């Protein structure tokens, strides 16, 4: 499953998988406990494939950050939990992405990236390569 179907919903913990669209929003399934919820159009929703991390040079798509974590961890979960101290999170993220913008990427952002990576890993979503449709649009 690609990151195009994985959502972060404001006010809800963890990540959700898009199940279907409805007239007033959509139905999403939690990756944490499998419960299905309905989400209205007014909710604050982010699709993981659209999220990027600030670096000193550019904005790096989240899937590429996940790929870098995956390489560092040799396909396993992260070496540190997402609830680690701020300094430990920053040290870990610096190892993964040495040129991230420390002024615009906060410890809470790093915490989310680590938590999301581990949650995706637990659910067997480990292919972070670009989809053919995404790759084609990036080339244009």
N, C-alpha and C. Protein backbone atom coordinates (compact mmCIF):
# COMPACT_ATOMS: atom_id res chain seq x y z
N UNK A 1 0.85 -1.19 0.00
CA UNK A 1 0.00 0.00 0.00
C UNK A 1 0.89 1.24 0.00
N UNK A 2 0.53 2.20 -0.80
CA UNK A 2 1.33 3.42 -0.92
C UNK A 2 0.93 4.44 0.16
N UNK A 3 1.76 5.45 0.31
CA UNK A 3 1.48 6.50 1.29
C UNK A 3 0.33 7.39 0.83
N UNK A 4 -0.16 7.23 -0.40
CA UNK A 4 -1.30 8.01 -0.90
C UNK A 4 -2.59 7.67 -0.16
N UNK A 5 -2.66 6.51 0.46
CA UNK A 5 -3.87 6.07 1.15
C UNK A 5 -3.73 6.13 2.68
N UNK A 6 -2.59 6.65 3.15
CA UNK A 6 -2.36 6.74 4.60
C UNK A 6 -2.53 8.19 5.02
N UNK A 7 -3.32 8.40 6.09
CA UNK A 7 -3.71 9.74 6.51
C UNK A 7 -3.33 10.01 7.96
N UNK A 8 -3.05 11.27 8.23
CA UNK A 8 -2.93 11.76 9.58
C UNK A 8 -4.13 12.68 9.80
N UNK A 9 -4.93 12.37 10.80
CA UNK A 9 -6.16 13.13 11.04
C UNK A 9 -5.98 13.94 12.32
N UNK A 10 -6.19 15.25 12.22
CA UNK A 10 -6.05 16.14 13.37
C UNK A 10 -6.96 15.72 14.51
N UNK A 11 -6.39 15.66 15.72
CA UNK A 11 -7.17 15.30 16.90
C UNK A 11 -7.30 13.80 17.12
N UNK A 12 -6.74 13.01 16.24
CA UNK A 12 -6.79 11.54 16.37
C UNK A 12 -5.37 11.00 16.42
N UNK A 13 -5.11 10.06 17.33
CA UNK A 13 -3.75 9.53 17.44
C UNK A 13 -3.40 8.59 16.29
N UNK A 14 -2.12 8.52 15.97
CA UNK A 14 -1.64 7.56 14.98
C UNK A 14 -2.00 7.91 13.55
N UNK A 15 -1.99 6.88 12.74
CA UNK A 15 -2.29 7.01 11.31
C UNK A 15 -3.53 6.22 10.96
N UNK A 16 -4.13 6.57 9.82
CA UNK A 16 -5.34 5.89 9.36
C UNK A 16 -5.21 5.55 7.89
N UNK A 17 -5.88 4.48 7.50
CA UNK A 17 -5.91 4.04 6.11
C UNK A 17 -7.24 4.49 5.52
N UNK A 18 -7.20 5.13 4.36
CA UNK A 18 -8.41 5.55 3.67
C UNK A 18 -9.14 4.32 3.17
N UNK A 19 -10.41 4.16 3.58
CA UNK A 19 -11.20 3.00 3.17
C UNK A 19 -12.07 3.37 1.97
N UNK A 20 -12.89 4.41 2.13
CA UNK A 20 -13.78 4.82 1.05
C UNK A 20 -14.20 6.27 1.25
N UNK A 21 -14.64 6.88 0.17
CA UNK A 21 -15.15 8.24 0.27
C UNK A 21 -16.66 8.20 0.38
N UNK A 22 -17.22 9.21 1.07
CA UNK A 22 -18.66 9.35 1.19
C UNK A 22 -19.02 10.75 0.70
N UNK A 23 -20.31 11.05 0.69
CA UNK A 23 -20.72 12.39 0.24
C UNK A 23 -20.23 13.49 1.17
N UNK A 24 -20.15 13.20 2.45
CA UNK A 24 -19.79 14.22 3.43
C UNK A 24 -18.35 14.11 3.94
N UNK A 25 -17.57 13.20 3.40
CA UNK A 25 -16.19 13.02 3.85
C UNK A 25 -15.66 11.67 3.41
N UNK A 26 -15.20 10.88 4.38
CA UNK A 26 -14.69 9.55 4.05
C UNK A 26 -14.65 8.67 5.30
N UNK A 27 -14.43 7.39 5.06
CA UNK A 27 -14.28 6.41 6.13
C UNK A 27 -12.81 6.04 6.20
N UNK A 28 -12.26 6.03 7.40
CA UNK A 28 -10.85 5.70 7.60
C UNK A 28 -10.74 4.62 8.68
N UNK A 29 -9.70 3.79 8.54
CA UNK A 29 -9.46 2.71 9.50
C UNK A 29 -8.15 2.98 10.22
N UNK A 30 -8.17 2.93 11.54
CA UNK A 30 -6.98 3.19 12.35
C UNK A 30 -5.95 2.09 12.15
N UNK A 31 -4.69 2.47 11.99
CA UNK A 31 -3.61 1.48 11.91
C UNK A 31 -3.23 0.97 13.29
N UNK A 32 -3.68 1.66 14.34
CA UNK A 32 -3.37 1.25 15.70
C UNK A 32 -4.27 0.10 16.16
N UNK A 33 -5.59 0.31 16.04
CA UNK A 33 -6.52 -0.69 16.57
C UNK A 33 -7.51 -1.24 15.54
N UNK A 34 -7.47 -0.76 14.31
CA UNK A 34 -8.34 -1.29 13.26
C UNK A 34 -9.76 -0.76 13.29
N UNK A 35 -10.07 0.18 14.19
CA UNK A 35 -11.42 0.72 14.26
C UNK A 35 -11.66 1.67 13.10
N UNK A 36 -12.87 1.60 12.56
CA UNK A 36 -13.23 2.47 11.45
C UNK A 36 -13.97 3.69 11.98
N UNK A 37 -13.65 4.85 11.39
CA UNK A 37 -14.30 6.09 11.79
C UNK A 37 -14.73 6.84 10.54
N UNK A 38 -15.73 7.69 10.70
CA UNK A 38 -16.10 8.58 9.60
C UNK A 38 -15.48 9.94 9.88
N UNK A 39 -14.98 10.55 8.83
CA UNK A 39 -14.29 11.83 8.96
C UNK A 39 -14.96 12.82 8.02
N UNK A 40 -15.30 13.99 8.55
CA UNK A 40 -15.97 14.99 7.72
C UNK A 40 -14.96 15.76 6.88
N UNK A 41 -15.45 16.44 5.88
CA UNK A 41 -14.60 17.23 4.99
C UNK A 41 -13.92 18.37 5.75
N UNK A 42 -14.56 18.86 6.81
CA UNK A 42 -14.00 19.97 7.58
C UNK A 42 -12.82 19.58 8.45
N UNK A 43 -12.58 18.29 8.65
CA UNK A 43 -11.48 17.84 9.51
C UNK A 43 -10.12 18.19 8.90
N UNK A 44 -9.16 18.36 9.77
CA UNK A 44 -7.79 18.63 9.35
C UNK A 44 -7.11 17.30 9.03
N UNK A 45 -6.95 17.01 7.74
CA UNK A 45 -6.41 15.73 7.29
C UNK A 45 -5.19 15.96 6.41
N UNK A 46 -4.13 15.19 6.65
CA UNK A 46 -2.93 15.26 5.82
C UNK A 46 -2.66 13.88 5.25
N UNK A 47 -2.38 13.83 3.95
CA UNK A 47 -2.00 12.59 3.29
C UNK A 47 -0.48 12.49 3.39
N UNK A 48 0.03 11.34 3.85
CA UNK A 48 1.47 11.21 4.07
C UNK A 48 2.30 11.47 2.82
N UNK A 49 1.77 11.15 1.65
CA UNK A 49 2.52 11.35 0.41
C UNK A 49 2.69 12.84 0.09
N UNK A 50 1.93 13.71 0.76
CA UNK A 50 2.01 15.16 0.51
C UNK A 50 2.84 15.90 1.55
N UNK A 51 3.31 15.20 2.57
CA UNK A 51 4.08 15.83 3.64
C UNK A 51 5.56 15.83 3.28
N UNK A 52 6.24 16.91 3.62
CA UNK A 52 7.68 17.02 3.37
C UNK A 52 8.38 17.57 4.61
N UNK A 53 9.66 17.28 4.72
CA UNK A 53 10.48 17.76 5.83
C UNK A 53 11.44 18.82 5.29
N UNK A 54 11.55 19.93 6.01
CA UNK A 54 12.44 21.00 5.59
C UNK A 54 13.91 20.59 5.77
N UNK A 55 14.70 20.79 4.72
CA UNK A 55 16.14 20.66 4.83
C UNK A 55 16.74 22.03 4.51
N UNK A 56 18.03 22.14 4.61
CA UNK A 56 18.68 23.42 4.32
C UNK A 56 18.62 23.75 2.83
N UNK A 57 18.45 22.73 1.99
CA UNK A 57 18.44 22.91 0.53
C UNK A 57 17.04 22.95 -0.06
N UNK A 58 16.16 22.08 0.42
CA UNK A 58 14.86 21.88 -0.21
C UNK A 58 13.89 21.28 0.80
N UNK A 59 12.69 20.94 0.32
CA UNK A 59 11.75 20.17 1.12
C UNK A 59 11.84 18.72 0.64
N UNK A 60 12.15 17.81 1.54
CA UNK A 60 12.32 16.40 1.21
C UNK A 60 11.03 15.66 1.51
N UNK A 61 10.46 14.96 0.51
CA UNK A 61 9.22 14.22 0.76
C UNK A 61 9.38 13.22 1.91
N UNK A 62 8.32 13.04 2.66
CA UNK A 62 8.35 12.16 3.83
C UNK A 62 8.76 10.74 3.46
N UNK A 63 8.32 10.27 2.29
CA UNK A 63 8.67 8.90 1.89
C UNK A 63 10.18 8.73 1.76
N UNK A 64 10.89 9.79 1.33
CA UNK A 64 12.34 9.71 1.23
C UNK A 64 12.99 9.70 2.61
N UNK A 65 12.40 10.41 3.55
CA UNK A 65 12.89 10.37 4.94
C UNK A 65 12.69 8.96 5.49
N UNK A 66 11.51 8.37 5.22
CA UNK A 66 11.25 6.99 5.66
C UNK A 66 12.26 6.02 5.03
N UNK A 67 12.60 6.23 3.77
CA UNK A 67 13.60 5.38 3.10
C UNK A 67 14.95 5.49 3.80
N UNK A 68 15.34 6.70 4.18
CA UNK A 68 16.61 6.91 4.87
C UNK A 68 16.61 6.21 6.24
N UNK A 69 15.48 6.28 6.95
CA UNK A 69 15.37 5.59 8.24
C UNK A 69 15.46 4.08 8.01
N UNK A 70 14.78 3.61 6.97
CA UNK A 70 14.78 2.18 6.65
C UNK A 70 16.19 1.67 6.36
N UNK A 71 16.97 2.46 5.62
CA UNK A 71 18.35 2.08 5.31
C UNK A 71 19.18 2.07 6.59
N UNK A 72 19.03 3.11 7.42
CA UNK A 72 19.79 3.19 8.67
C UNK A 72 19.48 2.02 9.58
N UNK A 73 18.21 1.63 9.64
CA UNK A 73 17.77 0.56 10.55
C UNK A 73 17.79 -0.82 9.89
N UNK A 74 18.30 -0.89 8.66
CA UNK A 74 18.38 -2.16 7.91
C UNK A 74 17.02 -2.84 7.81
N UNK A 75 15.97 -2.04 7.58
CA UNK A 75 14.63 -2.58 7.40
C UNK A 75 13.83 -2.79 8.67
N UNK A 76 14.44 -2.57 9.83
CA UNK A 76 13.75 -2.78 11.10
C UNK A 76 13.15 -1.49 11.64
N UNK A 77 12.64 -1.59 12.87
CA UNK A 77 12.08 -0.42 13.54
C UNK A 77 13.21 0.48 14.03
N UNK A 78 12.85 1.71 14.41
CA UNK A 78 13.86 2.66 14.84
C UNK A 78 14.53 2.22 16.14
N UNK A 79 15.79 2.63 16.30
CA UNK A 79 16.57 2.25 17.47
C UNK A 79 16.08 2.95 18.73
N UNK A 80 15.42 4.12 18.54
CA UNK A 80 14.93 4.85 19.71
C UNK A 80 13.41 4.97 19.61
N UNK A 81 12.71 4.94 20.75
CA UNK A 81 11.26 5.14 20.73
C UNK A 81 10.92 6.61 20.50
N UNK A 82 9.70 6.86 20.04
CA UNK A 82 9.29 8.24 19.75
C UNK A 82 9.12 9.08 21.01
N UNK A 83 9.09 8.44 22.17
CA UNK A 83 8.92 9.20 23.42
C UNK A 83 10.25 9.51 24.09
N UNK A 84 11.34 9.39 23.35
CA UNK A 84 12.67 9.71 23.90
C UNK A 84 12.79 11.20 24.18
N UNK A 85 13.86 11.56 24.88
CA UNK A 85 14.12 12.97 25.19
C UNK A 85 14.39 13.74 23.90
N UNK A 86 14.14 15.04 23.95
CA UNK A 86 14.30 15.90 22.79
C UNK A 86 15.70 15.78 22.18
N UNK A 87 16.73 15.81 23.00
CA UNK A 87 18.11 15.77 22.49
C UNK A 87 18.41 14.46 21.79
N UNK A 88 17.88 13.36 22.32
CA UNK A 88 18.09 12.04 21.69
C UNK A 88 17.37 11.96 20.35
N UNK A 89 16.15 12.52 20.29
CA UNK A 89 15.41 12.54 19.03
C UNK A 89 16.16 13.35 17.97
N UNK A 90 16.67 14.50 18.37
CA UNK A 90 17.40 15.36 17.44
C UNK A 90 18.69 14.70 16.96
N UNK A 91 19.41 14.03 17.87
CA UNK A 91 20.63 13.33 17.50
C UNK A 91 20.33 12.22 16.49
N UNK A 92 19.28 11.46 16.75
CA UNK A 92 18.89 10.37 15.84
C UNK A 92 18.53 10.93 14.47
N UNK A 93 17.71 11.98 14.46
CA UNK A 93 17.25 12.55 13.19
C UNK A 93 18.42 13.15 12.42
N UNK A 94 19.40 13.71 13.13
CA UNK A 94 20.59 14.25 12.48
C UNK A 94 21.38 13.14 11.79
N UNK A 95 21.41 11.94 12.38
CA UNK A 95 22.07 10.79 11.75
C UNK A 95 21.35 10.38 10.48
N UNK A 96 20.01 10.45 10.51
CA UNK A 96 19.20 10.05 9.35
C UNK A 96 19.25 11.12 8.27
N UNK A 97 19.10 12.36 8.67
CA UNK A 97 18.99 13.48 7.72
C UNK A 97 19.89 14.63 8.21
N UNK A 98 21.19 14.57 7.90
CA UNK A 98 22.14 15.54 8.45
C UNK A 98 21.85 17.00 8.09
N UNK A 99 21.17 17.24 6.98
CA UNK A 99 20.95 18.62 6.56
C UNK A 99 19.53 19.12 6.83
N UNK A 100 18.82 18.49 7.80
CA UNK A 100 17.47 18.99 8.10
C UNK A 100 17.57 20.37 8.75
N UNK A 101 16.55 21.17 8.52
CA UNK A 101 16.54 22.56 9.01
C UNK A 101 16.11 22.56 10.48
N UNK A 102 17.07 22.75 11.36
CA UNK A 102 16.82 22.68 12.80
C UNK A 102 15.90 23.80 13.30
N UNK A 103 15.81 24.90 12.52
CA UNK A 103 14.94 26.01 12.92
C UNK A 103 13.48 25.75 12.58
N UNK A 104 13.23 24.93 11.57
CA UNK A 104 11.84 24.71 11.13
C UNK A 104 11.32 23.30 11.40
N UNK A 105 12.20 22.38 11.77
CA UNK A 105 11.77 21.03 12.12
C UNK A 105 11.91 20.89 13.63
N UNK A 106 10.77 20.80 14.30
CA UNK A 106 10.74 20.76 15.76
C UNK A 106 10.84 19.33 16.28
N UNK A 107 11.12 19.20 17.57
CA UNK A 107 11.19 17.88 18.20
C UNK A 107 9.86 17.13 18.05
N UNK A 108 8.74 17.87 18.10
CA UNK A 108 7.43 17.22 17.93
C UNK A 108 7.28 16.64 16.53
N UNK A 109 7.87 17.29 15.53
CA UNK A 109 7.84 16.76 14.16
C UNK A 109 8.66 15.48 14.06
N UNK A 110 9.84 15.50 14.67
CA UNK A 110 10.71 14.31 14.66
C UNK A 110 10.01 13.16 15.36
N UNK A 111 9.36 13.46 16.47
CA UNK A 111 8.62 12.45 17.23
C UNK A 111 7.55 11.79 16.35
N UNK A 112 6.81 12.62 15.59
CA UNK A 112 5.77 12.09 14.70
C UNK A 112 6.37 11.22 13.61
N UNK A 113 7.46 11.67 13.00
CA UNK A 113 8.09 10.90 11.92
C UNK A 113 8.51 9.52 12.44
N UNK A 114 9.14 9.48 13.60
CA UNK A 114 9.58 8.20 14.17
C UNK A 114 8.38 7.33 14.53
N UNK A 115 7.36 7.93 15.15
CA UNK A 115 6.16 7.17 15.51
C UNK A 115 5.48 6.63 14.26
N UNK A 116 5.34 7.46 13.23
CA UNK A 116 4.68 7.02 12.00
C UNK A 116 5.47 5.92 11.31
N UNK A 117 6.79 6.06 11.25
CA UNK A 117 7.61 5.02 10.62
C UNK A 117 7.40 3.68 11.32
N UNK A 118 7.46 3.68 12.65
CA UNK A 118 7.29 2.44 13.41
C UNK A 118 5.89 1.86 13.24
N UNK A 119 4.88 2.73 13.17
CA UNK A 119 3.50 2.28 12.98
C UNK A 119 3.32 1.66 11.60
N UNK A 120 3.88 2.28 10.59
CA UNK A 120 3.82 1.72 9.24
C UNK A 120 4.56 0.39 9.18
N UNK A 121 5.72 0.32 9.83
CA UNK A 121 6.50 -0.91 9.87
C UNK A 121 5.70 -2.03 10.53
N UNK A 122 5.04 -1.73 11.65
CA UNK A 122 4.22 -2.73 12.35
C UNK A 122 3.08 -3.25 11.49
N UNK A 123 2.59 -2.42 10.58
CA UNK A 123 1.47 -2.81 9.72
C UNK A 123 1.93 -3.34 8.37
N UNK A 124 3.21 -3.60 8.23
CA UNK A 124 3.73 -4.20 7.00
C UNK A 124 3.81 -3.25 5.82
N UNK A 125 3.73 -1.95 6.08
CA UNK A 125 3.83 -0.96 5.00
C UNK A 125 5.27 -0.47 5.00
N UNK A 126 6.10 -1.12 4.16
CA UNK A 126 7.53 -0.81 4.17
C UNK A 126 8.07 -0.42 2.80
N UNK A 127 7.20 -0.32 1.80
CA UNK A 127 7.64 0.10 0.48
C UNK A 127 7.42 1.60 0.35
N UNK A 128 8.49 2.37 0.52
CA UNK A 128 8.38 3.82 0.49
C UNK A 128 8.85 4.41 -0.83
N UNK A 129 9.03 3.55 -1.83
CA UNK A 129 9.45 4.07 -3.13
C UNK A 129 8.31 4.85 -3.76
N UNK A 130 8.65 5.71 -4.69
CA UNK A 130 7.66 6.55 -5.35
C UNK A 130 6.77 5.69 -6.23
N UNK A 131 5.47 5.99 -6.22
CA UNK A 131 4.55 5.32 -7.13
C UNK A 131 4.85 5.80 -8.54
N UNK A 132 4.43 5.03 -9.53
CA UNK A 132 4.67 5.42 -10.92
C UNK A 132 3.98 6.74 -11.24
N UNK A 133 2.77 6.97 -10.73
CA UNK A 133 2.07 8.21 -10.99
C UNK A 133 2.77 9.40 -10.32
N UNK A 134 3.31 9.18 -9.12
CA UNK A 134 4.04 10.23 -8.42
C UNK A 134 5.34 10.53 -9.14
N UNK A 135 6.04 9.49 -9.56
CA UNK A 135 7.32 9.67 -10.26
C UNK A 135 7.11 10.41 -11.58
N UNK A 136 6.04 10.09 -12.28
CA UNK A 136 5.75 10.75 -13.56
C UNK A 136 5.46 12.22 -13.37
N UNK A 137 4.70 12.56 -12.31
CA UNK A 137 4.38 13.97 -12.06
C UNK A 137 5.60 14.75 -11.59
N UNK A 138 6.54 14.09 -10.88
CA UNK A 138 7.75 14.77 -10.43
C UNK A 138 8.69 15.07 -11.60
N UNK A 139 8.65 14.22 -12.64
CA UNK A 139 9.53 14.42 -13.79
C UNK A 139 9.08 15.61 -14.62
N UNK A 140 7.82 15.94 -14.59
CA UNK A 140 7.28 17.01 -15.44
C UNK A 140 7.63 18.39 -14.96
